[in-house]
C-alpha atoms as a PDB file:
ATOM      1  CA  MET A   1    -229.533  28.775 111.973  1.00  0.00           C
ATOM      2  CA  ALA A   2    -228.021  29.922 108.711  1.00  0.00           C
ATOM      3  CA  ILE A   3    -225.975  32.584 110.486  1.00  0.00           C
ATOM      4  CA  ARG A   4    -224.653  30.069 113.044  1.00  0.00           C
ATOM      5  CA  SER A   5    -223.628  27.637 110.325  1.00  0.00           C
ATOM      6  CA  LEU A   6    -221.770  30.404 108.459  1.00  0.00           C
ATOM      7  CA  VAL A   7    -219.929  31.442 111.640  1.00  0.00           C
ATOM      8  CA  ALA A   8    -218.921  27.811 112.363  1.00  0.00           C
ATOM      9  CA  LEU A   9    -217.705  27.377 108.787  1.00  0.00           C
ATOM     10  CA  ALA A  10    -215.594  30.556 109.034  1.00  0.00           C
ATOM     11  CA  GLU A  11    -214.031  29.376 112.324  1.00  0.00           C
ATOM     12  CA  ASN A  12    -213.160  25.997 110.786  1.00  0.00           C
ATOM     13  CA  LEU A  13    -211.541  27.734 107.786  1.00  0.00           C
ATOM     14  CA  SER A  14    -209.467  30.022 110.038  1.00  0.00           C
ATOM     15  CA  LEU A  15    -208.286  27.075 112.149  1.00  0.00           C
ATOM     16  CA  GLY A  16    -207.312  25.144 109.022  1.00  0.00           C
ATOM     17  CA  MET A  17    -205.362  28.107 107.652  1.00  0.00           C
ATOM     18  CA  ARG A  18    -203.533  28.544 110.980  1.00  0.00           C
ATOM     19  CA  HIS A  19    -202.627  24.838 111.086  1.00  0.00           C
ATOM     20  CA  SER A  20    -201.330  24.859 107.505  1.00  0.00           C
ATOM     21  CA  ALA A  21    -199.300  28.049 108.134  1.00  0.00           C
ATOM     22  CA  SER A  22    -197.701  26.604 111.288  1.00  0.00           C
ATOM     23  CA  ALA A  23    -196.857  23.360 109.449  1.00  0.00           C
ATOM     24  CA  ALA A  24    -195.268  25.279 106.587  1.00  0.00           C
ATOM     25  CA  ALA A  25    -193.266  27.425 108.994  1.00  0.00           C
ATOM     26  CA  SER A  26    -192.014  24.375 110.869  1.00  0.00           C
ATOM     27  CA  SER A  27    -190.985  22.667 107.626  1.00  0.00           C
ATOM     28  CA  ILE A  28    -189.127  25.818 106.520  1.00  0.00           C
ATOM     29  CA  CYS A  29    -187.315  26.017 109.838  1.00  0.00           C
ATOM     30  CA  GLN A  30    -186.363  22.387 109.617  1.00  0.00           C
ATOM     31  CA  ARG A  31    -185.055  22.779 106.077  1.00  0.00           C
ATOM     32  CA  ARG A  32    -183.215  25.997 106.899  1.00  0.00           C
ATOM     33  CA  PHE A  33    -181.561  25.271 110.233  1.00  0.00           C
ATOM     34  CA  ILE A  34    -180.916  21.527 110.114  1.00  0.00           C
ATOM     35  CA  SER A  35    -177.842  20.769 108.011  1.00  0.00           C
ATOM     36  CA  THR A  36    -175.113  18.141 107.897  1.00  0.00           C
ATOM     37  CA  SER A  37    -171.390  18.653 107.342  1.00  0.00           C
ATOM     38  CA  PRO A  38    -168.948  16.171 105.729  1.00  0.00           C
ATOM     39  CA  VAL A  39    -166.323  14.441 107.831  1.00  0.00           C
ATOM     40  CA  LEU A  40    -162.993  16.285 107.784  1.00  0.00           C
ATOM     41  CA  ASP A  41    -159.961  14.290 106.624  1.00  0.00           C
ATOM     42  CA  HIS A  42    -157.486  16.134 108.859  1.00  0.00           C
ATOM     43  CA  SER A  43    -157.931  17.674 112.270  1.00  0.00           C
ATOM     44  CA  ILE A  44    -157.200  21.314 113.045  1.00  0.00           C
ATOM     45  CA  ARG A  45    -154.244  20.294 115.194  1.00  0.00           C
ATOM     46  CA  ASP A  46    -152.621  18.482 112.262  1.00  0.00           C
ATOM     47  CA  ILE A  47    -153.010  21.552 110.054  1.00  0.00           C
ATOM     48  CA  HIS A  48    -151.524  23.772 112.779  1.00  0.00           C
ATOM     49  CA  ARG A  49    -148.611  21.375 113.200  1.00  0.00           C
ATOM     50  CA  THR A  50    -147.697  20.946 109.527  1.00  0.00           C
ATOM     51  CA  GLY A  51    -148.752  24.340 108.182  1.00  0.00           C
ATOM     52  CA  ILE A  52    -151.043  25.208 105.313  1.00  0.00           C
ATOM     53  CA  LYS A  53    -150.064  23.502 102.093  1.00  0.00           C
ATOM     54  CA  ILE A  54    -150.685  25.436  98.899  1.00  0.00           C
ATOM     55  CA  ALA A  55    -151.183  23.127  95.945  1.00  0.00           C
ATOM     56  CA  SER A  56    -148.962  24.125  93.052  1.00  0.00           C
ATOM     57  CA  THR A  57    -150.075  24.007  89.466  1.00  0.00           C
ATOM     58  CA  GLU A  58    -148.943  21.140  87.338  1.00  0.00           C
ATOM     59  CA  ILE A  59    -145.779  21.802  85.354  1.00  0.00           C
ATOM     60  CA  ALA A  60    -145.252  20.134  82.047  1.00  0.00           C
ATOM     61  CA  ALA A  61    -142.493  17.551  81.966  1.00  0.00           C
ATOM     62  CA  SER A  62    -140.923  18.998  78.832  1.00  0.00           C
ATOM     63  CA  GLU A  63    -141.019  22.659  77.867  1.00  0.00           C
ATOM     64  CA  GLY A  64    -140.926  23.956  74.319  1.00  0.00           C
ATOM     65  CA  THR A  65    -143.060  23.294  71.295  1.00  0.00           C
ATOM     66  CA  THR A  66    -146.059  21.026  71.596  1.00  0.00           C
ATOM     67  CA  GLY A  67    -145.233  17.428  70.898  1.00  0.00           C
ATOM     68  CA  ALA A  68    -141.482  17.759  71.463  1.00  0.00           C
ATOM     69  CA  ALA A  69    -140.010  14.543  72.817  1.00  0.00           C
ATOM     70  CA  GLU A  70    -137.543  14.370  75.696  1.00  0.00           C
ATOM     71  CA  THR A  71    -133.980  13.636  74.593  1.00  0.00           C
ATOM     72  CA  TRP A  72    -130.647  13.167  76.334  1.00  0.00           C
ATOM     73  CA  ILE A  73    -127.974  15.785  75.628  1.00  0.00           C
ATOM     74  CA  SER A  74    -124.377  14.601  75.629  1.00  0.00           C
ATOM     75  CA  VAL A  75    -121.862  16.867  77.378  1.00  0.00           C
ATOM     76  CA  ASP A  76    -118.155  16.749  76.616  1.00  0.00           C
ATOM     77  CA  THR A  77    -116.263  16.504  79.922  1.00  0.00           C
ATOM     78  CA  SER A  78    -112.871  15.580  78.489  1.00  0.00           C
ATOM     79  CA  LYS A  79    -111.546  19.143  78.893  1.00  0.00           C
ATOM     80  CA  LEU A  80    -113.048  19.666  82.333  1.00  0.00           C
ATOM     81  CA  ASP A  81    -109.941  18.575  84.225  1.00  0.00           C
ATOM     82  CA  ARG A  82    -107.881  21.490  82.979  1.00  0.00           C
ATOM     83  CA  PHE A  83    -110.160  23.920  84.839  1.00  0.00           C
ATOM     84  CA  LEU A  84    -109.683  22.152  88.180  1.00  0.00           C
ATOM     85  CA  PRO A  85    -106.767  23.127  90.463  1.00  0.00           C
ATOM     86  CA  THR A  86    -103.681  20.929  90.501  1.00  0.00           C
ATOM     87  CA  PRO A  87    -100.705  20.708  92.915  1.00  0.00           C
ATOM     88  CA  GLU A  88     -98.584  22.579  90.365  1.00  0.00           C
ATOM     89  CA  ILE A  89    -100.729  25.692  90.692  1.00  0.00           C
ATOM     90  CA  PHE A  90     -99.310  26.356  94.180  1.00  0.00           C
ATOM     91  CA  LYS A  91     -95.882  26.819  92.591  1.00  0.00           C
ATOM     92  CA  GLN A  92     -97.025  29.200  89.857  1.00  0.00           C
ATOM     93  CA  LYS A  93     -96.504  32.946  90.018  1.00  0.00           C
ATOM     94  CA  PHE A  94     -99.075  35.556  89.032  1.00  0.00           C
ATOM     95  CA  ASN A  95     -97.664  39.031  88.347  1.00  0.00           C
ATOM     96  CA  GLY A  96     -94.490  37.950  90.116  1.00  0.00           C
ATOM     97  CA  ILE A  97     -96.328  36.733  93.252  1.00  0.00           C
ATOM     98  CA  ALA A  98     -96.593  33.059  94.224  1.00  0.00           C
ATOM     99  CA  TYR A  99    -100.073  31.583  94.523  1.00  0.00           C
ATOM    100  CA  GLU A 100     -99.674  30.949  98.236  1.00  0.00           C
ATOM    101  CA  GLU A 101     -98.721  34.592  98.838  1.00  0.00           C
ATOM    102  CA  LEU A 102    -101.639  36.170  96.966  1.00  0.00           C
ATOM    103  CA  PRO A 103    -104.040  38.379  98.967  1.00  0.00           C
ATOM    104  CA  ILE A 104    -107.308  36.684  99.923  1.00  0.00           C
ATOM    105  CA  VAL A 105    -110.723  38.332  99.475  1.00  0.00           C
ATOM    106  CA  TYR A 106    -113.335  36.913 101.874  1.00  0.00           C
ATOM    107  CA  ILE A 107    -116.916  37.488 100.693  1.00  0.00           C
ATOM    108  CA  LYS A 108    -119.678  36.710 103.188  1.00  0.00           C
ATOM    109  CA  ALA A 109    -123.070  36.833 101.459  1.00  0.00           C
ATOM    110  CA  THR A 110    -125.819  36.828 104.070  1.00  0.00           C
ATOM    111  CA  LYS A 111    -129.537  37.135 103.494  1.00  0.00           C
ATOM    112  CA  ASN A 112    -129.603  40.877 104.181  1.00  0.00           C
ATOM    113  CA  ASN A 113    -126.051  42.093 103.516  1.00  0.00           C
ATOM    114  CA  THR A 114    -122.762  41.396 101.716  1.00  0.00           C
ATOM    115  CA  LEU A 115    -119.487  41.728 103.639  1.00  0.00           C
ATOM    116  CA  ILE A 116    -116.053  41.861 101.968  1.00  0.00           C
ATOM    117  CA  GLN A 117    -112.754  41.641 103.847  1.00  0.00           C
ATOM    118  CA  VAL A 118    -109.299  41.499 102.224  1.00  0.00           C
ATOM    119  CA  THR A 119    -106.256  40.044 103.987  1.00  0.00           C
ATOM    120  CA  ASP A 120    -102.731  39.120 102.964  1.00  0.00           C
ATOM    121  CA  HIS A 121    -101.351  35.578 103.051  1.00  0.00           C
ATOM    122  CA  LYS A 122    -100.494  36.076 106.748  1.00  0.00           C
ATOM    123  CA  PHE A 123    -104.123  37.039 107.514  1.00  0.00           C
ATOM    124  CA  ASN A 124    -103.387  40.706 108.204  1.00  0.00           C
ATOM    125  CA  VAL A 125    -106.417  42.836 107.299  1.00  0.00           C
ATOM    126  CA  ILE A 126    -105.879  45.136 104.309  1.00  0.00           C
ATOM    127  CA  THR A 127    -109.356  46.616 103.832  1.00  0.00           C
ATOM    128  CA  TYR A 128    -112.983  45.996 104.697  1.00  0.00           C
ATOM    129  CA  THR A 129    -116.299  47.137 103.241  1.00  0.00           C
ATOM    130  CA  SER A 130    -119.965  46.174 103.132  1.00  0.00           C
ATOM    131  CA  CYS A 131    -123.205  47.210 101.479  1.00  0.00           C
ATOM    132  CA  ARG A 132    -124.046  49.461 104.428  1.00  0.00           C
ATOM    133  CA  LEU A 133    -120.701  51.256 104.240  1.00  0.00           C
ATOM    134  CA  GLU A 134    -121.283  51.891 100.534  1.00  0.00           C
ATOM    135  CA  GLY A 135    -124.532  53.772 101.212  1.00  0.00           C
ATOM    136  CA  PHE A 136    -127.225  51.086 100.920  1.00  0.00           C
ATOM    137  CA  LYS A 137    -129.784  51.060 103.723  1.00  0.00           C
ATOM    138  CA  ASN A 138    -132.533  48.754 104.934  1.00  0.00           C
ATOM    139  CA  ALA A 139    -133.933  46.459 102.222  1.00  0.00           C
ATOM    140  CA  ARG A 140    -131.595  47.801  99.530  1.00  0.00           C
ATOM    141  CA  LYS A 141    -128.646  46.049 101.177  1.00  0.00           C
ATOM    142  CA  LYS A 142    -129.900  42.629 100.045  1.00  0.00           C
ATOM    143  CA  THR A 143    -130.025  43.393  96.314  1.00  0.00           C
ATOM    144  CA  ASN A 144    -127.705  42.206  93.557  1.00  0.00           C
ATOM    145  CA  ILE A 145    -126.755  45.777  92.670  1.00  0.00           C
ATOM    146  CA  ALA A 146    -125.627  46.422  96.249  1.00  0.00           C
ATOM    147  CA  GLY A 147    -123.381  43.348  96.153  1.00  0.00           C
ATOM    148  CA  GLN A 148    -121.822  44.349  92.844  1.00  0.00           C
ATOM    149  CA  THR A 149    -121.256  47.932  94.003  1.00  0.00           C
ATOM    150  CA  THR A 150    -119.554  46.640  97.145  1.00  0.00           C
ATOM    151  CA  GLY A 151    -117.309  44.421  95.013  1.00  0.00           C
ATOM    152  CA  VAL A 152    -116.378  47.353  92.762  1.00  0.00           C
ATOM    153  CA  ALA A 153    -115.541  49.507  95.799  1.00  0.00           C
ATOM    154  CA  ALA A 154    -113.346  46.781  97.297  1.00  0.00           C
ATOM    155  CA  GLY A 155    -111.603  46.275  93.942  1.00  0.00           C
ATOM    156  CA  GLN A 156    -110.873  49.986  93.576  1.00  0.00           C
ATOM    157  CA  ARG A 157    -109.302  50.065  97.037  1.00  0.00           C
ATOM    158  CA  LEU A 158    -107.074  47.128  96.067  1.00  0.00           C
ATOM    159  CA  VAL A 159    -106.047  48.789  92.789  1.00  0.00           C
ATOM    160  CA  ARG A 160    -105.077  51.970  94.652  1.00  0.00           C
ATOM    161  CA  ARG A 161    -102.828  49.832  96.864  1.00  0.00           C
ATOM    162  CA  GLY A 162    -101.214  48.187  93.842  1.00  0.00           C
ATOM    163  CA  ILE A 163    -102.912  44.787  94.254  1.00  0.00           C
ATOM    164  CA  ARG A 164    -103.982  43.303  90.914  1.00  0.00           C
ATOM    165  CA  SER A 165    -104.280  39.529  91.556  1.00  0.00           C
ATOM    166  CA  VAL A 166    -106.253  37.972  94.407  1.00  0.00           C
ATOM    167  CA  ARG A 167    -107.828  34.756  95.600  1.00  0.00           C
ATOM    168  CA  VAL A 168    -111.530  34.788  96.483  1.00  0.00           C
ATOM    169  CA  VAL A 169    -113.237  32.801  99.249  1.00  0.00           C
ATOM    170  CA  VAL A 170    -117.052  32.893  99.171  1.00  0.00           C
ATOM    171  CA  LYS A 171    -119.243  31.978 102.126  1.00  0.00           C
ATOM    172  CA  GLY A 172    -123.043  32.027 102.244  1.00  0.00           C
ATOM    173  CA  ILE A 173    -125.842  31.893  99.695  1.00  0.00           C
ATOM    174  CA  GLY A 174    -127.017  35.503  99.765  1.00  0.00           C
ATOM    175  CA  PRO A 175    -128.022  37.575  96.715  1.00  0.00           C
ATOM    176  CA  GLY A 176    -124.605  39.302  96.538  1.00  0.00           C
ATOM    177  CA  ARG A 177    -122.707  36.040  96.315  1.00  0.00           C
ATOM    178  CA  MET A 178    -121.353  36.157  92.752  1.00  0.00           C
ATOM    179  CA  THR A 179    -122.186  39.763  91.909  1.00  0.00           C
ATOM    180  CA  ALA A 180    -119.482  40.838  94.370  1.00  0.00           C
ATOM    181  CA  VAL A 181    -116.955  38.703  92.465  1.00  0.00           C
ATOM    182  CA  LYS A 182    -118.143  40.306  89.241  1.00  0.00           C
ATOM    183  CA  GLY A 183    -117.608  43.737  90.806  1.00  0.00           C
ATOM    184  CA  LEU A 184    -114.021  42.806  91.639  1.00  0.00           C
ATOM    185  CA  THR A 185    -113.305  41.848  88.028  1.00  0.00           C
ATOM    186  CA  VAL A 186    -115.008  44.998  86.705  1.00  0.00           C
ATOM    187  CA  SER A 187    -112.716  47.189  88.819  1.00  0.00           C
ATOM    188  CA  GLY A 188    -109.627  45.635  87.202  1.00  0.00           C
ATOM    189  CA  VAL A 189    -108.669  42.956  89.739  1.00  0.00           C
ATOM    190  CA  ASN A 190    -107.609  39.570  88.358  1.00  0.00           C
ATOM    191  CA  VAL A 191    -109.404  36.762  90.235  1.00  0.00           C
ATOM    192  CA  ILE A 192    -107.092  33.734  90.230  1.00  0.00           C
ATOM    193  CA  SER A 193    -109.331  31.245  92.066  1.00  0.00           C
ATOM    194  CA  ILE A 194    -112.753  31.075  93.719  1.00  0.00           C
ATOM    195  CA  THR A 195    -113.220  28.855  96.772  1.00  0.00           C
ATOM    196  CA  ASP A 196    -116.607  28.097  98.325  1.00  0.00           C
ATOM    197  CA  HIS A 197    -116.559  27.730 102.124  1.00  0.00           C
ATOM    198  CA  THR A 198    -120.323  27.645 102.665  1.00  0.00           C
ATOM    199  CA  LEU A 199    -121.220  25.427 105.622  1.00  0.00           C
ATOM    200  CA  ILE A 200    -123.586  22.497 105.142  1.00  0.00           C
ATOM    201  CA  ASN A 201    -125.428  21.489 108.310  1.00  0.00           C
ATOM    202  CA  GLU A 202    -125.827  17.764 108.887  1.00  0.00           C
ATOM    203  CA  LEU A 203    -128.003  16.881 111.869  1.00  0.00           C
ATOM    204  CA  GLY A 204    -127.643  20.457 113.041  1.00  0.00           C
ATOM    205  CA  PRO A 205    -129.999  22.543 115.163  1.00  0.00           C
ATOM    206  CA  ARG A 206    -133.749  22.475 114.772  1.00  0.00           C
ATOM    207  CA  PRO A 207    -134.871  24.480 111.700  1.00  0.00           C
ATOM    208  CA  ARG A 208    -137.121  27.500 111.924  1.00  0.00           C
ATOM    209  CA  LYS A 209    -140.875  27.048 112.036  1.00  0.00           C
ATOM    210  CA  ILE A 210    -142.952  27.298 108.868  1.00  0.00           C
ATOM    211  CA  ARG A 211    -143.869  30.855 107.950  1.00  0.00           C
ATOM    212  CA  ARG A 212    -147.608  31.465 108.309  1.00  0.00           C
ATOM    213  CA  ILE A 213    -149.135  33.663 105.610  1.00  0.00           C
END
């Protein structure tokens, strides 16, 4: 009888241990595999349509020393009118040449290149050069140094032809926009006027899609 009671007690203990182990395993599985996710504010289609927005860091309203207050700076514009062109400038002569008869330097500053073409007042081509013709290849064509070198080369060609005073017409917003003008002045050419003919699109074609990084 004692042996039977011991065997029954051992069976009951083993069954209890199995039941407790299965309950613990089921609770672990429930805690591990059952999870909830918060509700998304925007759908995936909205993000694909508008692009990924990268939040920028906050920029202080006023730069400088800590505690500096914002102040208004007065600018004297009384002498600004004398720098603007007037109707009398068309009658002036520069180095013995009338303003309307000066050669015109057309500078087209694109995103990847800088093109310079020089014509006379009757639009006959005198010379032409670009960053590629001056030896710059691939990504080096869209640098400031390439634009200035192209301007210097165009200015030297004009000096060899005896042209010292020109008008400049700039088109585009590329990196060689003003460095080409600086190259012209470095080579010894006198720039009389600078005209900006960059186009501004109003209700133009559809812009390019957002770049995905």
